[in-house]
């Protein structure tokens, strides 16, 4: 009986870790929040599945997955974004061609939905807010 109880406790502990683990599909909370997020969209014009990036720090896009209804749900963010909405009040968001915020970049101003330019459309690898660490 003690072995069964110990095994059950370990199983419950592991299950709780899985439930409490952060969502690998979004750095934010799974919603595009006014005042703090950049929302990457699978399609041009701010439509399709999305990934929300909060204004905490820079991100490489390889570890994020488009969520929500619409085209692109389940696809990786890296090299698959067509547009970005910057929901911050005054913090530009920079989208980069290479990982680690390197290479060609496009700046998305506050309160703007913009299609990525021909260099970055479906060639996005990382991004960062101009002023990071505002969590």
Protein backbone atom coordinates (compact mmCIF):
# COMPACT_ATOMS: atom_id res chain seq x y z
CA UNK A 1 0.00 0.00 0.00
CA UNK A 2 2.87 2.41 0.79
CA UNK A 3 4.40 1.80 -2.66
CA UNK A 4 1.09 2.58 -4.33
CA UNK A 5 0.69 5.77 -2.28
CA UNK A 6 4.24 6.92 -3.10
CA UNK A 7 3.72 6.19 -6.79
CA UNK A 8 0.43 8.08 -6.73
CA UNK A 9 2.08 11.08 -5.07
CA UNK A 10 4.87 11.14 -7.65
CA UNK A 11 2.33 10.86 -10.47
CA UNK A 12 0.28 13.74 -9.06
CA UNK A 13 3.40 15.86 -8.63
CA UNK A 14 4.43 15.30 -12.24
CA UNK A 15 0.91 16.00 -13.47
CA UNK A 16 0.80 19.29 -11.55
CA UNK A 17 4.10 20.34 -13.14
CA UNK A 18 2.62 19.76 -16.57
CA UNK A 19 -0.49 21.75 -15.74
CA UNK A 20 1.50 24.64 -14.24
CA UNK A 21 4.18 24.75 -16.96
CA UNK A 22 4.11 27.94 -19.03
CA UNK A 23 2.55 27.80 -22.46
CA UNK A 24 5.32 27.44 -25.04
CA UNK A 25 3.07 28.90 -27.71
CA UNK A 26 3.12 32.45 -26.39
CA UNK A 27 5.34 34.58 -24.21
CA UNK A 28 2.38 36.50 -22.88
CA UNK A 29 -0.93 35.10 -21.74
CA UNK A 30 -2.45 33.94 -25.01
CA UNK A 31 -4.26 37.23 -25.60
CA UNK A 32 -3.16 40.37 -27.40
CA UNK A 33 -3.33 42.87 -24.55
CA UNK A 34 -3.62 46.61 -24.99
CA UNK A 35 -0.69 48.44 -23.49
CA UNK A 36 1.90 45.63 -23.41
CA UNK A 37 1.91 43.18 -26.34
CA UNK A 38 3.04 42.83 -29.91
CA UNK A 39 0.79 40.38 -31.72
CA UNK A 40 2.28 38.47 -34.65
CA UNK A 41 -0.25 37.28 -37.23
CA UNK A 42 0.05 34.44 -39.70
CA UNK A 43 -1.68 36.46 -42.45
CA UNK A 44 -1.32 40.01 -43.71
CA UNK A 45 -3.63 42.67 -42.35
CA UNK A 46 -3.53 41.43 -38.75
CA UNK A 47 -5.62 38.32 -39.34
CA UNK A 48 -5.14 34.58 -38.91
CA UNK A 49 -3.70 32.74 -35.95
CA UNK A 50 -1.49 34.82 -33.62
CA UNK A 51 1.37 34.82 -31.13
CA UNK A 52 1.46 37.47 -28.39
CA UNK A 53 4.87 38.81 -27.37
CA UNK A 54 4.94 40.76 -24.13
CA UNK A 55 7.27 43.66 -23.46
CA UNK A 56 9.57 41.86 -21.03
CA UNK A 57 12.62 41.22 -23.24
CA UNK A 58 13.78 40.14 -26.70
CA UNK A 59 12.61 36.86 -28.16
CA UNK A 60 13.87 34.36 -30.70
CA UNK A 61 10.83 33.12 -32.60
CA UNK A 62 11.79 29.44 -32.98
CA UNK A 63 10.10 28.39 -29.73
CA UNK A 64 6.68 29.93 -30.33
CA UNK A 65 3.61 28.52 -32.06
CA UNK A 66 0.67 30.36 -33.61
CA UNK A 67 -2.50 29.84 -31.56
CA UNK A 68 -6.16 30.68 -31.88
CA UNK A 69 -8.57 30.16 -34.70
CA UNK A 70 -7.62 30.97 -38.25
CA UNK A 71 -4.96 30.16 -40.79
CA UNK A 72 -1.62 29.13 -39.36
CA UNK A 73 -2.75 27.70 -36.02
CA UNK A 74 -0.12 25.21 -34.90
CA UNK A 75 2.61 26.62 -37.17
CA UNK A 76 5.92 27.87 -35.78
CA UNK A 77 6.30 31.66 -35.50
CA UNK A 78 9.83 31.70 -36.95
CA UNK A 79 9.69 32.52 -40.66
CA UNK A 80 5.88 32.38 -40.78
CA UNK A 81 4.59 35.83 -39.74
CA UNK A 82 3.02 38.20 -42.27
CA UNK A 83 1.90 41.08 -40.03
CA UNK A 84 2.31 42.52 -36.54
CA UNK A 85 0.07 44.62 -34.30
CA UNK A 86 1.84 46.67 -31.64
CA UNK A 87 -0.60 47.21 -28.79
CA UNK A 88 1.74 49.30 -26.63
CA UNK A 89 1.11 52.97 -25.90
CA UNK A 90 4.59 54.29 -26.76
CA UNK A 91 7.04 51.40 -27.25
CA UNK A 92 8.14 50.55 -30.81
CA UNK A 93 8.64 46.85 -31.60
CA UNK A 94 11.57 45.74 -33.79
CA UNK A 95 11.27 42.58 -35.91
CA UNK A 96 14.54 41.04 -37.14
CA UNK A 97 15.55 38.77 -40.02
CA UNK A 98 18.05 36.83 -37.86
CA UNK A 99 17.93 35.33 -34.39
CA UNK A 100 19.22 37.28 -31.38
CA UNK A 101 17.93 40.60 -32.74
CA UNK A 102 20.42 40.74 -35.63
CA UNK A 103 20.26 41.67 -39.30
CA UNK A 104 17.66 43.59 -41.25
CA UNK A 105 14.86 44.94 -39.07
CA UNK A 106 11.48 46.58 -39.38
CA UNK A 107 10.08 48.80 -36.65
CA UNK A 108 6.38 48.61 -35.84
CA UNK A 109 5.25 51.77 -34.09
CA UNK A 110 2.78 51.87 -31.18
CA UNK A 111 -0.89 51.35 -31.98
CA UNK A 112 -0.13 50.14 -35.51
CA UNK A 113 -0.94 46.99 -37.44
CA UNK A 114 1.63 46.63 -40.19
CA UNK A 115 2.36 44.04 -42.82
CA UNK A 116 5.95 42.88 -42.67
CA UNK A 117 7.98 44.18 -45.60
CA UNK A 118 9.08 41.89 -48.44
CA UNK A 119 12.39 41.10 -46.69
CA UNK A 120 10.80 40.06 -43.39
CA UNK A 121 7.46 38.56 -44.45
CA UNK A 122 7.83 34.87 -43.63
CA UNK A 123 11.48 35.58 -42.75
CA UNK A 124 11.14 36.72 -39.13
CA UNK A 125 13.53 35.18 -36.61
CA UNK A 126 13.47 37.44 -33.54
CA UNK A 127 12.04 40.64 -32.08
CA UNK A 128 12.35 43.05 -29.19
CA UNK A 129 10.60 46.13 -27.89
CA UNK A 130 12.67 49.32 -27.99
CA UNK A 131 12.31 49.55 -24.20
CA UNK A 132 12.35 46.03 -22.78
CA UNK A 133 11.91 44.80 -19.25
CA UNK A 134 8.63 46.55 -18.48
CA UNK A 135 7.05 43.54 -16.75
